[in-house]
Amino acid sequence: MDAVLIMVLSFVGYIAAYQLYGRFIGKKIFNLSNENTTPAVEMQDGVDYVPTKKGIIFGHHFTSIAGTGPIVGPAIGVIWGWVPALIWVLVGNVVMGAVHDFGSLVISLRNQGKSISDVTARYINPRTRTIFFILVLLELWIVIAVFALIIGIIFNFYPQSVFPVWCEIPISIILGYALYKKGAKLGLSTAIAVTVMYITVVLGHFIPLKMPAIGGIPATGVWASILLIYAFIASTLPVTTLLQPRDFINSWQLLIAMALLIIGIFASAFGGALHVVAPAVRMTPEGAPPMWPMLFITIACGAISGFHSLVSSGTSAKQVHYEEDALFVGYGSMITEGFLAVLAIIAVAAGIGIAYQLPDGQVLTGTAAWTHHYTSWAAAAGLASKIGSFVEGAANMISFVGIPKKIGIVIMGVFVASFAGTTLDTATRIQRYVIQELGTTVKAKFLEEKYTATAVAVITAGLLTFATGPDGKGALALWPLFGATNQALAALALLTITMYLKQRGGAKFVVGLIPAVFMIVMTMWGLLENEASFISQGKPLLYIVNAIVILITVWMTLETIVKWFSKDKVTV
């Protein structure tokens, strides 16, 4: 019953937060109005700028920001105990993450759909735009390379997921064609598409597809190559061809998966099998960094994540039809992601205790199952461990709904892989936008061209992917930088939001300032912890790049302080 109570109270809390705080900042702080023309309407081109129904754009936005983040972050962060993880996901989400996502979206809507990094020139100064660009390019470079690898690894872990994940592409294209070219009814078309998708999920169980090594390239390298080629194609197509319909299908996949988890939590709890077996607080796990500040770096998606500001001001701002839809899309998506993170916490803090099978066939239950999986930081920190603990715990819970555990594992494997694929698509498209904006800034015409900018994004990610060999794991060399870099991006986006609100007059800026200060402190603390660790481990690449991120964060913070006391006015 403890897991049920956590879930119910969290759900009620998120709904109340949206209705009270979300609507308050939408109406009173940002003054949303449908009388304002959005970039999707003003600059409609049928490719990137496309006015879209808020339900569809919600699906795109949510699946793009989620990825594997709200799963893997809590799955590792719970090593410090389920209570700190839950508090951060609840409080951080409502007053920081949702404000960050929503604010980034609104600012972009009022600046021709430009990225949050580009608009800093207007609200702080042109220098900050340049240094912000550097941080954004670094983050997206790592994201594209790592997610190409992550999906390949998921395919290796769960070969049953390969067939249904790739089947989503033709299903999505057909759905997009039916909706936009033939005027099909949204409800009926969606129902058919989602039904067909779940048929492929069941078929995937019976036809697992294991990628062999090809030409001396391991399976992960082969998958990474295929996925980067796919990312190039997908990110240059009109959003209505693949991106929107695929993300819309994935959003329904999410809702169904969440419904199964909710019903599974009730069923397994009332069946007497579900109990929270993780410790409430665990300050010093073996080999783990200190909980302060690393909890706030480790759990990003679900609480606050800088990548979200890039989605808000990248793809989503170019598709929102009516400005008032921004609250549902920006704030609502983050609230939903927070609830998904809560379900992930329950899966790894309670679900895993129902049954945890060891490689030798032995099955552990209860506290023994959790303790074995989270025996140390090293044991719990790997990708296989993060995803595996969630999939195992989730499949355990939904087995009480009557779905065989083997099918449940396929459902959750497809769910994770699909969301990772959506993040890869969106990150590549956003990197293209950023490169095009950079080309305009530095007056490099060739970078403003869509295919050239996309090629730069994909080729540079490919170089990182294969930097250490044909296994495609090159980006893992920079992955230790991602958490703090991502949160630094969130802090800097919040600074931009704060300055935007300050220039609108009154005390509205407090909504952005408090989260900004908290994130700057936690991020700088985390970056300095990382710097000391990288230096002690003798890893020059990591401590040099990490030092650059520290410099960017300090520099932009100081530039913001100077602007704060400046008498210059900006029309907003």
Protein backbone atom coordinates (compact mmCIF):
# COMPACT_ATOMS: atom_id res chain seq x y z
CA MET A 1 0.00 0.00 0.00
CA ASP A 2 2.97 2.33 0.48
CA ALA A 3 3.63 2.32 -3.28
CA VAL A 4 -0.04 3.03 -4.01
CA LEU A 5 -0.02 5.96 -1.59
CA ILE A 6 3.10 7.42 -3.23
CA MET A 7 1.52 7.14 -6.68
CA VAL A 8 -1.87 8.59 -5.73
CA LEU A 9 -0.51 11.52 -3.73
CA SER A 10 1.98 12.34 -6.49
CA PHE A 11 -0.74 12.27 -9.14
CA VAL A 12 -3.02 14.54 -7.11
CA GLY A 13 -0.11 16.87 -6.38
CA TYR A 14 0.81 17.24 -10.04
CA ILE A 15 -2.79 17.92 -11.09
CA ALA A 16 -3.13 20.55 -8.36
CA ALA A 17 0.19 22.13 -9.38
CA TYR A 18 -0.93 22.43 -13.01
CA GLN A 19 -4.32 23.90 -12.11
CA LEU A 20 -2.98 26.34 -9.53
CA TYR A 21 0.64 27.27 -10.19
CA GLY A 22 0.75 26.44 -13.90
CA ARG A 23 -2.34 28.45 -14.76
CA PHE A 24 -1.17 31.28 -12.50
CA ILE A 25 2.16 31.76 -14.26
CA GLY A 26 0.51 31.28 -17.65
CA LYS A 27 -2.06 34.00 -17.05
CA LYS A 28 -0.43 36.38 -14.58
CA ILE A 29 3.30 36.01 -15.26
CA PHE A 30 3.59 35.32 -19.00
CA ASN A 31 0.18 36.79 -19.97
CA LEU A 32 -0.61 34.21 -22.63
CA SER A 33 -3.04 35.43 -25.26
CA ASN A 34 -4.38 33.87 -28.44
CA GLU A 35 -4.37 37.36 -29.92
CA ASN A 36 -0.59 36.98 -30.32
CA THR A 37 0.37 35.34 -33.61
CA THR A 38 2.65 32.34 -33.19
CA PRO A 39 5.66 31.60 -35.44
CA ALA A 40 3.89 28.50 -36.80
CA VAL A 41 1.20 30.75 -38.27
CA GLU A 42 3.34 33.76 -39.16
CA MET A 43 6.15 31.73 -40.81
CA GLN A 44 4.27 28.64 -41.97
CA ASP A 45 6.32 26.70 -44.54
CA GLY A 46 4.91 23.16 -44.36
CA VAL A 47 8.30 21.75 -43.34
CA ASP A 48 9.39 23.09 -39.94
CA TYR A 49 6.79 25.79 -39.20
CA VAL A 50 3.45 23.98 -39.14
CA PRO A 51 0.41 25.05 -37.02
CA THR A 52 -0.62 21.93 -35.12
CA LYS A 53 -3.45 20.82 -32.82
CA LYS A 54 -2.33 21.00 -29.22
CA GLY A 55 -2.97 17.29 -28.62
CA ILE A 56 -0.60 16.34 -31.42
CA ILE A 57 2.07 18.86 -30.47
CA PHE A 58 1.78 17.69 -26.86
CA GLY A 59 2.57 14.18 -28.09
CA HIS A 60 5.61 15.39 -30.01
CA HIS A 61 6.87 17.60 -27.20
CA PHE A 62 6.41 15.05 -24.45
CA THR A 63 8.03 12.14 -26.25
CA SER A 64 10.92 14.38 -27.33
CA ILE A 65 11.74 15.64 -23.84
CA ALA A 66 11.22 12.28 -22.18
CA GLY A 67 13.48 9.86 -24.03
CA THR A 68 15.00 7.48 -21.50
CA GLY A 69 15.67 10.32 -19.03
CA PRO A 70 12.74 9.99 -16.60
CA ILE A 71 13.53 6.29 -16.38
CA VAL A 72 17.30 6.02 -16.12
CA GLY A 73 17.74 9.09 -13.89
CA PRO A 74 15.43 7.85 -11.11
CA ALA A 75 16.71 4.30 -11.64
CA ILE A 76 20.18 5.40 -10.55
CA GLY A 77 19.19 8.28 -8.23
CA VAL A 78 17.19 5.94 -5.99
CA ILE A 79 20.54 4.56 -4.79
CA TRP A 80 20.48 7.48 -2.30
CA GLY A 81 17.02 6.39 -1.17
CA TRP A 82 13.54 6.74 -2.59
CA VAL A 83 12.58 9.75 -0.43
CA PRO A 84 15.20 12.23 -1.77
CA ALA A 85 14.54 11.02 -5.32
CA LEU A 86 10.78 11.49 -4.92
CA ILE A 87 11.05 14.93 -3.30
CA TRP A 88 13.31 16.20 -6.09
CA VAL A 89 11.03 14.81 -8.80
CA LEU A 90 7.97 16.40 -7.19
CA VAL A 91 9.23 19.79 -6.01
CA GLY A 92 11.91 20.28 -8.66
CA ASN A 93 9.44 19.48 -11.42
CA VAL A 94 6.69 21.88 -10.34
CA VAL A 95 8.69 24.98 -9.42
CA MET A 96 11.76 24.53 -11.63
CA GLY A 97 11.46 22.06 -14.50
CA ALA A 98 7.95 22.97 -15.68
CA VAL A 99 8.70 26.70 -15.38
CA HIS A 100 11.94 26.17 -17.33
CA ASP A 101 10.23 24.25 -20.16
CA PHE A 102 7.20 26.53 -20.34
CA GLY A 103 9.25 29.73 -20.12
CA SER A 104 11.63 28.61 -22.87
CA LEU A 105 8.65 27.81 -25.10
CA VAL A 106 6.92 31.16 -24.53
CA ILE A 107 10.10 33.19 -25.13
CA SER A 108 10.70 31.33 -28.39
CA LEU A 109 7.06 31.82 -29.44
CA ARG A 110 7.60 35.56 -29.03
CA ASN A 111 10.87 35.52 -30.96
CA GLN A 112 10.00 33.81 -34.29
CA GLY A 113 10.63 30.33 -32.94
CA LYS A 114 14.33 30.98 -32.35
CA SER A 115 16.31 28.82 -29.94
CA ILE A 116 16.79 29.86 -26.34
CA SER A 117 20.50 30.27 -27.05
CA ASP A 118 19.81 32.69 -29.91
CA VAL A 119 17.39 34.93 -28.01
CA THR A 120 19.84 35.48 -25.14
CA ALA A 121 21.39 38.14 -27.38
CA ARG A 122 18.21 40.17 -26.97
CA TYR A 123 17.62 39.75 -23.25
CA ILE A 124 21.23 39.71 -21.99
CA ASN A 125 23.76 40.60 -24.73
CA PRO A 126 25.23 39.21 -28.00
CA ARG A 127 28.25 37.72 -26.20
CA THR A 128 26.03 35.39 -24.22
CA ARG A 129 24.48 34.10 -27.44
CA THR A 130 27.91 32.98 -28.67
CA ILE A 131 28.93 31.23 -25.45
CA PHE A 132 25.46 29.69 -25.09
CA PHE A 133 25.77 28.33 -28.64
CA ILE A 134 28.98 26.55 -27.64
CA LEU A 135 27.28 24.81 -24.73
CA VAL A 136 24.23 23.84 -26.81
CA LEU A 137 26.35 22.45 -29.64
CA LEU A 138 28.37 20.40 -27.14
CA GLU A 139 25.28 19.00 -25.45
CA LEU A 140 23.51 18.05 -28.68
CA TRP A 141 26.72 16.59 -30.10
CA ILE A 142 26.92 14.21 -27.14
CA VAL A 143 23.17 13.48 -27.15
CA ILE A 144 23.03 12.47 -30.82
CA ALA A 145 26.09 10.22 -30.58
CA VAL A 146 25.10 8.62 -27.28
CA PHE A 147 21.46 8.02 -28.18
CA ALA A 148 22.46 6.31 -31.42
CA LEU A 149 24.48 3.96 -29.20
CA ILE A 150 21.80 3.66 -26.49
CA ILE A 151 19.17 2.47 -28.97
CA GLY A 152 21.65 -0.06 -30.37
CA ILE A 153 22.35 -1.34 -26.87
CA ILE A 154 18.61 -1.60 -26.13
CA PHE A 155 18.16 -3.58 -29.34
CA ASN A 156 20.91 -5.94 -28.15
CA PHE A 157 19.36 -6.30 -24.68
CA TYR A 158 15.85 -6.74 -26.02
CA PRO A 159 15.99 -8.09 -29.62
CA GLN A 160 12.21 -8.56 -29.36
CA SER A 161 11.91 -4.77 -29.53
CA VAL A 162 13.63 -4.39 -32.92
CA PHE A 163 10.71 -5.41 -35.14
CA PRO A 164 8.02 -3.25 -33.46
CA VAL A 165 10.27 -0.19 -33.14
CA TRP A 166 11.12 -0.15 -36.85
CA CYS A 167 7.50 -0.91 -37.76
CA GLU A 168 6.55 2.38 -36.12
CA ILE A 169 8.13 4.25 -39.03
CA PRO A 170 5.82 3.03 -41.84
CA ILE A 171 2.84 3.12 -39.45
CA SER A 172 3.63 6.76 -38.63
CA ILE A 173 4.13 7.77 -42.27
CA ILE A 174 0.79 6.20 -43.22
CA LEU A 175 -0.90 7.94 -40.28
CA GLY A 176 0.59 11.30 -41.31
CA TYR A 177 -0.52 10.78 -44.91
CA ALA A 178 -4.04 9.83 -43.82
CA LEU A 179 -4.39 12.86 -41.54
CA TYR A 180 -2.75 15.58 -43.63
CA LYS A 181 -3.36 14.43 -47.19
CA LYS A 182 -6.64 12.57 -46.97
CA GLY A 183 -8.30 14.39 -44.09
CA ALA A 184 -8.94 11.22 -42.11
CA LYS A 185 -10.55 11.46 -38.68
CA LEU A 186 -7.93 11.81 -35.96
CA GLY A 187 -9.59 9.52 -33.40
CA LEU A 188 -10.23 6.59 -35.72
CA SER A 189 -6.86 6.86 -37.46
CA THR A 190 -5.04 7.00 -34.14
CA ALA A 191 -6.90 3.97 -32.79
CA ILE A 192 -6.01 1.93 -35.87
CA ALA A 193 -2.36 3.01 -35.82
CA VAL A 194 -1.89 2.26 -32.10
CA THR A 195 -3.65 -1.10 -32.43
CA VAL A 196 -1.40 -2.12 -35.33
CA MET A 197 1.63 -0.98 -33.34
CA TYR A 198 0.72 -3.20 -30.39
CA ILE A 199 0.16 -6.13 -32.75
CA THR A 200 3.77 -5.67 -33.87
CA VAL A 201 4.82 -5.62 -30.20
CA VAL A 202 3.31 -9.07 -29.66
CA LEU A 203 4.85 -10.29 -32.93
CA GLY A 204 8.20 -8.97 -31.75
CA HIS A 205 8.16 -11.47 -28.91
CA PHE A 206 8.01 -14.31 -31.43
CA ILE A 207 10.50 -12.86 -33.94
CA PRO A 208 13.43 -11.40 -32.01
CA LEU A 209 15.97 -9.85 -34.38
CA LYS A 210 19.57 -10.00 -33.22
CA MET A 211 22.01 -7.88 -35.21
CA PRO A 212 25.22 -9.78 -36.07
CA ALA A 213 28.65 -8.22 -36.45
CA ILE A 214 29.14 -7.06 -40.05
CA GLY A 215 32.55 -6.59 -41.66
CA GLY A 216 34.25 -6.69 -38.28
CA ILE A 217 31.93 -4.01 -36.89
CA PRO A 218 30.17 -5.13 -33.67
CA ALA A 219 26.37 -5.02 -33.50
CA THR A 220 26.36 -1.76 -31.52
CA GLY A 221 28.47 -0.08 -34.20
CA VAL A 222 26.22 -1.39 -36.97
CA TRP A 223 23.12 -0.11 -35.21
CA ALA A 224 24.73 3.26 -34.51
CA SER A 225 25.57 3.67 -38.22
CA ILE A 226 22.04 2.76 -39.31
CA LEU A 227 20.49 5.06 -36.73
CA LEU A 228 22.64 8.05 -37.69
CA ILE A 229 21.65 7.61 -41.33
CA TYR A 230 18.03 7.36 -40.24
CA ALA A 231 18.40 10.50 -38.09
CA PHE A 232 19.66 12.46 -41.12
CA ILE A 233 16.67 11.41 -43.23
CA ALA A 234 14.06 11.82 -40.50
CA SER A 235 15.26 15.26 -39.40
CA THR A 236 15.13 16.71 -42.92
CA LEU A 237 11.60 15.50 -43.72
CA PRO A 238 8.63 17.80 -43.12
CA VAL A 239 7.46 17.43 -39.52
CA THR A 240 4.06 16.20 -40.72
CA THR A 241 5.61 13.28 -42.62
CA LEU A 242 7.22 11.39 -39.75
CA LEU A 243 8.10 13.44 -36.66
CA GLN A 244 4.60 14.51 -35.65
CA PRO A 245 2.73 11.25 -36.35
CA ARG A 246 5.47 9.08 -34.83
CA ASP A 247 5.63 11.18 -31.70
CA PHE A 248 1.84 11.19 -31.50
CA ILE A 249 1.77 7.38 -31.66
CA ASN A 250 4.52 7.24 -29.06
CA SER A 251 2.52 9.52 -26.79
CA TRP A 252 -0.34 7.01 -26.91
CA GLN A 253 2.15 4.25 -26.30
CA LEU A 254 3.25 6.19 -23.24
CA LEU A 255 -0.32 6.65 -21.98
CA ILE A 256 -1.02 2.94 -22.41
CA ALA A 257 2.26 1.97 -20.72
CA MET A 258 1.54 4.36 -17.84
CA ALA A 259 -2.01 2.99 -17.53
CA LEU A 260 -0.62 -0.55 -17.38
CA LEU A 261 1.86 0.53 -14.71
CA ILE A 262 -0.85 2.26 -12.67
CA ILE A 263 -3.18 -0.74 -12.86
CA GLY A 264 -0.21 -3.04 -12.18
CA ILE A 265 0.72 -1.06 -9.06
CA PHE A 266 -2.83 -1.34 -7.74
CA ALA A 267 -3.12 -5.02 -8.64
CA SER A 268 0.24 -6.10 -7.22
CA ALA A 269 -0.22 -3.97 -4.08
CA PHE A 270 -3.69 -5.31 -3.31
CA GLY A 271 -2.38 -8.78 -4.14
CA GLY A 272 0.09 -8.35 -1.30
CA ALA A 273 3.17 -8.59 -3.52
CA LEU A 274 4.24 -4.94 -3.89
CA HIS A 275 6.20 -3.23 -1.15
CA VAL A 276 8.79 -0.47 -1.19
CA VAL A 277 12.01 -2.40 -0.54
CA ALA A 278 14.48 0.42 -1.22
CA PRO A 279 15.71 2.34 1.84
CA ALA A 280 14.06 5.71 2.50
CA VAL A 281 17.43 7.49 2.70
CA ARG A 282 20.92 6.12 2.05
CA MET A 283 23.51 8.86 2.43
CA THR A 284 26.71 6.92 1.65
CA PRO A 285 26.22 4.12 -0.91
CA GLU A 286 29.43 2.24 -1.69
CA GLY A 287 31.52 4.15 -4.24
CA ALA A 288 28.84 6.78 -4.86
CA PRO A 289 29.52 10.53 -5.03
CA PRO A 290 27.89 12.70 -2.35
CA MET A 291 24.11 13.00 -2.60
CA TRP A 292 24.50 16.79 -2.48
CA PRO A 293 24.82 17.97 -5.22
CA MET A 294 24.93 14.85 -7.39
CA LEU A 295 21.29 13.85 -6.87
CA PHE A 296 20.27 17.06 -8.66
CA ILE A 297 22.65 16.25 -11.51
CA THR A 298 21.78 12.55 -11.79
CA ILE A 299 17.98 12.96 -11.86
CA ALA A 300 17.38 15.54 -14.59
CA CYS A 301 14.42 14.52 -16.75
CA GLY A 302 11.44 14.26 -14.42
CA ALA A 303 12.75 17.18 -12.33
CA ILE A 304 14.55 19.67 -14.60
CA SER A 305 16.65 19.14 -17.71
CA GLY A 306 18.40 21.70 -19.91
CA PHE A 307 17.73 19.60 -23.02
CA HIS A 308 14.05 20.45 -22.64
CA SER A 309 14.71 24.13 -23.31
CA LEU A 310 16.13 23.12 -26.68
CA VAL A 311 13.01 21.12 -27.57
CA SER A 312 10.71 23.92 -26.36
CA SER A 313 12.55 26.57 -28.38
CA GLY A 314 13.54 24.23 -31.19
CA THR A 315 10.82 22.07 -32.71
CA SER A 316 7.80 22.76 -30.47
CA ALA A 317 7.78 26.56 -30.79
CA LYS A 318 7.54 26.14 -34.56
CA GLN A 319 4.36 24.06 -34.29
CA VAL A 320 2.22 25.64 -31.55
CA HIS A 321 -0.87 27.10 -33.25
CA TYR A 322 -2.33 29.22 -30.46
CA GLU A 323 -0.20 30.87 -27.79
CA GLU A 324 -2.45 29.71 -24.95
CA ASP A 325 -1.71 26.10 -25.99
CA ALA A 326 1.82 26.66 -24.65
CA LEU A 327 0.70 26.00 -21.08
CA PHE A 328 -0.62 22.54 -21.93
CA VAL A 329 2.35 21.74 -24.15
CA GLY A 330 5.18 23.18 -22.04
CA TYR A 331 4.05 23.00 -18.42
CA GLY A 332 1.69 20.04 -18.95
CA SER A 333 4.29 17.87 -20.66
CA MET A 334 6.78 18.38 -17.86
CA ILE A 335 4.18 17.56 -15.22
CA THR A 336 3.38 14.34 -17.12
CA GLU A 337 7.07 13.48 -17.32
CA GLY A 338 7.34 14.00 -13.58
CA PHE A 339 4.58 11.47 -12.99
CA LEU A 340 6.35 9.02 -15.30
CA ALA A 341 9.48 9.51 -13.18
CA VAL A 342 7.41 8.71 -10.05
CA LEU A 343 6.24 5.47 -11.68
CA ALA A 344 9.86 4.69 -12.54
CA ILE A 345 10.85 5.25 -8.89
CA ILE A 346 8.11 2.85 -7.78
CA ALA A 347 9.23 0.27 -10.36
CA VAL A 348 12.85 0.30 -9.15
CA ALA A 349 12.12 0.84 -5.45
CA ALA A 350 9.25 -1.64 -5.14
CA GLY A 351 8.54 -3.55 -8.36
CA ILE A 352 12.01 -5.04 -8.52
CA GLY A 353 11.35 -6.69 -5.14
CA ILE A 354 8.55 -8.87 -6.53
CA ALA A 355 11.07 -11.06 -8.36
CA TYR A 356 14.61 -10.46 -9.56
CA GLN A 357 16.27 -13.23 -11.55
CA LEU A 358 20.05 -13.61 -11.43
CA PRO A 359 22.07 -14.87 -14.41
CA ASP A 360 22.37 -18.32 -12.75
CA GLY A 361 18.58 -18.63 -12.57
CA GLN A 362 18.26 -17.86 -8.87
CA VAL A 363 15.32 -15.57 -8.04
CA LEU A 364 15.61 -12.97 -5.28
CA THR A 365 12.69 -11.14 -3.74
CA GLY A 366 12.11 -8.26 -1.36
CA THR A 367 14.97 -6.27 0.11
CA ALA A 368 17.47 -8.91 -1.07
CA ALA A 369 16.51 -8.22 -4.69
CA TRP A 370 16.96 -4.46 -4.35
CA THR A 371 20.18 -4.73 -2.35
CA HIS A 372 21.74 -7.10 -4.89
CA HIS A 373 20.97 -4.75 -7.76
CA TYR A 374 22.09 -1.63 -5.90
CA THR A 375 24.97 -3.15 -3.98
CA SER A 376 27.26 -0.29 -5.08
CA TRP A 377 27.44 2.74 -7.36
CA ALA A 378 29.44 0.74 -9.90
CA ALA A 379 26.84 -2.03 -9.98
CA ALA A 380 23.90 0.34 -10.44
CA ALA A 381 25.44 2.95 -12.74
CA GLY A 382 25.66 1.08 -16.04
CA LEU A 383 23.09 1.52 -18.78
CA ALA A 384 22.12 -2.16 -18.63
CA SER A 385 21.51 -1.85 -14.91
CA LYS A 386 19.45 1.33 -15.21
CA ILE A 387 17.17 0.15 -17.98
CA GLY A 388 17.11 -3.42 -16.69
CA SER A 389 15.91 -2.47 -13.22
CA PHE A 390 13.00 -0.45 -14.63
CA VAL A 391 11.98 -3.03 -17.25
CA GLU A 392 12.20 -5.85 -14.71
CA GLY A 393 10.25 -3.98 -12.04
CA ALA A 394 7.62 -2.72 -14.48
CA ALA A 395 7.12 -6.17 -16.04
CA ASN A 396 6.74 -7.65 -12.56
CA MET A 397 3.95 -5.22 -11.70
CA ILE A 398 1.99 -5.48 -14.95
CA SER A 399 2.15 -9.29 -14.78
CA PHE A 400 -0.56 -8.90 -12.12
CA VAL A 401 -2.80 -7.42 -14.83
CA GLY A 402 -2.67 -10.77 -16.63
CA ILE A 403 0.05 -9.88 -19.13
CA PRO A 404 2.78 -12.56 -19.15
CA LYS A 405 6.09 -11.20 -17.88
CA LYS A 406 7.83 -12.03 -21.17
CA ILE A 407 5.33 -9.88 -23.09
CA GLY A 408 5.57 -7.19 -20.42
CA ILE A 409 9.32 -7.04 -20.93
CA VAL A 410 8.80 -6.57 -24.68
CA ILE A 411 6.22 -3.81 -24.08
CA MET A 412 8.58 -1.94 -21.77
CA GLY A 413 11.61 -2.56 -24.01
CA VAL A 414 9.76 -1.11 -27.02
CA PHE A 415 8.54 1.77 -24.86
CA VAL A 416 12.11 2.69 -23.83
CA ALA A 417 13.60 2.21 -27.31
CA SER A 418 10.83 4.22 -28.99
CA PHE A 419 11.34 7.17 -26.68
CA ALA A 420 15.09 7.04 -27.20
CA GLY A 421 14.47 7.07 -30.96
CA THR A 422 12.23 10.13 -30.65
CA THR A 423 14.96 11.95 -28.72
CA LEU A 424 17.50 11.06 -31.42
CA ASP A 425 15.20 12.40 -34.18
CA THR A 426 14.46 15.62 -32.34
CA ALA A 427 18.03 16.25 -31.16
CA THR A 428 19.31 15.95 -34.73
CA ARG A 429 16.68 18.36 -36.03
CA ILE A 430 17.41 20.83 -33.22
CA GLN A 431 21.15 20.62 -33.87
CA ARG A 432 20.38 21.48 -37.49
CA TYR A 433 18.39 24.53 -36.38
CA VAL A 434 21.21 25.63 -34.07
CA ILE A 435 23.83 25.23 -36.80
CA GLN A 436 21.63 27.22 -39.19
CA GLU A 437 21.22 29.98 -36.58
CA LEU A 438 24.97 29.94 -36.00
CA GLY A 439 25.52 30.20 -39.76
CA THR A 440 23.34 33.31 -39.81
CA THR A 441 25.20 34.79 -36.84
CA VAL A 442 28.68 34.28 -38.33
CA LYS A 443 27.44 34.98 -41.89
CA ALA A 444 28.37 31.50 -43.18
CA LYS A 445 25.70 31.03 -45.85
CA PHE A 446 26.48 27.37 -46.50
CA LEU A 447 25.57 26.50 -42.88
CA GLU A 448 22.13 28.02 -43.33
CA GLU A 449 21.22 25.34 -45.89
CA LYS A 450 19.09 22.54 -44.42
CA TYR A 451 20.93 19.52 -45.79
CA THR A 452 24.39 20.96 -45.16
CA ALA A 453 23.55 21.83 -41.55
CA THR A 454 22.05 18.36 -40.98
CA ALA A 455 25.08 16.71 -42.53
CA VAL A 456 27.35 18.65 -40.19
CA ALA A 457 25.23 17.56 -37.23
CA VAL A 458 25.24 13.87 -38.19
CA ILE A 459 28.83 13.61 -39.43
CA THR A 460 30.29 15.26 -36.32
CA ALA A 461 28.17 12.96 -34.13
CA GLY A 462 29.39 10.01 -36.19
CA LEU A 463 33.01 11.02 -35.69
CA LEU A 464 32.42 11.07 -31.93
CA THR A 465 30.52 7.77 -32.05
CA PHE A 466 33.40 5.92 -33.70
CA ALA A 467 36.26 7.89 -32.13
CA THR A 468 37.38 4.92 -30.04
CA GLY A 469 36.69 2.09 -32.47
CA PRO A 470 34.03 0.31 -34.53
CA ASP A 471 31.84 -0.59 -31.54
CA GLY A 472 30.30 2.91 -31.68
CA LYS A 473 31.04 3.65 -28.02
CA GLY A 474 33.22 6.71 -28.57
CA ALA A 475 30.69 9.12 -27.08
CA LEU A 476 30.88 7.28 -23.77
CA ALA A 477 34.25 8.98 -23.27
CA LEU A 478 32.37 12.30 -22.92
CA TRP A 479 29.23 10.91 -21.28
CA PRO A 480 30.48 11.67 -17.70
CA LEU A 481 30.24 15.34 -18.74
CA PHE A 482 26.63 15.19 -19.82
CA GLY A 483 24.77 15.38 -16.50
CA ALA A 484 26.40 18.56 -15.20
CA THR A 485 26.55 20.10 -18.70
CA ASN A 486 22.82 19.45 -19.15
CA GLN A 487 22.00 21.06 -15.82
CA ALA A 488 24.28 24.01 -16.61
CA LEU A 489 22.20 24.51 -19.73
CA ALA A 490 19.04 24.47 -17.58
CA ALA A 491 20.54 27.09 -15.25
CA LEU A 492 21.47 29.35 -18.16
CA ALA A 493 18.04 28.97 -19.77
CA LEU A 494 16.49 30.00 -16.45
CA LEU A 495 18.73 33.07 -16.40
CA THR A 496 17.38 34.06 -19.81
CA ILE A 497 13.81 33.48 -18.61
CA THR A 498 14.52 35.58 -15.51
CA MET A 499 15.85 38.48 -17.56
CA TYR A 500 12.88 38.28 -19.92
CA LEU A 501 10.48 38.50 -16.99
CA LYS A 502 12.45 41.27 -15.28
CA GLN A 503 12.18 43.41 -18.39
CA ARG A 504 8.40 42.94 -18.33
CA GLY A 505 8.30 44.84 -15.03
CA GLY A 506 7.22 44.10 -11.47
CA ALA A 507 8.34 41.09 -9.45
CA LYS A 508 7.48 38.50 -12.09
CA PHE A 509 11.15 37.61 -12.41
CA VAL A 510 11.06 35.80 -9.03
CA VAL A 511 9.39 32.84 -10.77
CA GLY A 512 12.57 32.31 -12.77
CA LEU A 513 15.18 33.75 -10.39
CA ILE A 514 14.73 31.30 -7.50
CA PRO A 515 15.06 28.19 -9.70
CA ALA A 516 17.96 29.84 -11.58
CA VAL A 517 19.94 30.52 -8.40
CA PHE A 518 19.33 27.00 -7.07
CA MET A 519 20.40 25.39 -10.34
CA ILE A 520 23.49 27.58 -10.70
CA VAL A 521 24.63 26.65 -7.18
CA MET A 522 23.95 22.92 -7.62
CA THR A 523 25.44 22.83 -11.11
CA MET A 524 28.60 24.73 -10.20
CA TRP A 525 29.01 22.51 -7.15
CA GLY A 526 28.60 19.43 -9.34
CA LEU A 527 30.95 20.75 -12.02
CA LEU A 528 33.64 21.45 -9.42
CA GLU A 529 33.18 17.98 -7.90
CA ASN A 530 33.58 16.51 -11.39
CA GLU A 531 36.65 18.64 -12.10
CA ALA A 532 38.40 17.38 -8.97
CA SER A 533 37.44 13.81 -9.83
CA PHE A 534 38.59 14.04 -13.46
CA ILE A 535 41.92 15.59 -12.43
CA SER A 536 42.53 12.93 -9.77
CA GLN A 537 41.74 10.20 -12.32
CA GLY A 538 44.14 11.74 -14.85
CA LYS A 539 41.54 12.28 -17.59
CA PRO A 540 42.67 15.43 -19.44
CA LEU A 541 39.92 15.40 -22.08
CA LEU A 542 37.23 15.39 -19.41
CA TYR A 543 38.75 17.99 -17.13
CA ILE A 544 39.55 20.34 -20.01
CA VAL A 545 36.02 20.20 -21.46
CA ASN A 546 34.52 20.35 -17.98
CA ALA A 547 36.61 23.46 -17.26
CA ILE A 548 35.20 25.04 -20.42
CA VAL A 549 31.65 24.35 -19.18
CA ILE A 550 32.55 25.94 -15.82
CA LEU A 551 33.93 29.00 -17.63
CA ILE A 552 30.78 29.32 -19.78
CA THR A 553 28.51 29.04 -16.74
CA VAL A 554 30.45 31.61 -14.71
CA TRP A 555 30.79 33.94 -17.69
CA MET A 556 27.09 33.95 -18.55
CA THR A 557 26.14 34.35 -14.89
CA LEU A 558 28.37 37.42 -14.59
CA GLU A 559 27.04 38.84 -17.86
CA THR A 560 23.50 38.43 -16.49
CA ILE A 561 24.40 40.19 -13.25
CA VAL A 562 25.87 43.11 -15.22
CA LYS A 563 22.73 43.26 -17.38
CA TRP A 564 20.55 43.11 -14.27
CA PHE A 565 21.93 46.41 -13.00
CA SER A 566 22.10 47.99 -16.45
CA LYS A 567 19.66 50.74 -17.37
CA ASP A 568 19.28 49.47 -20.93
CA LYS A 569 15.70 48.69 -21.84
CA VAL A 570 14.41 45.93 -24.10
CA THR A 571 10.95 45.85 -25.64
CA VAL A 572 9.42 42.47 -24.86
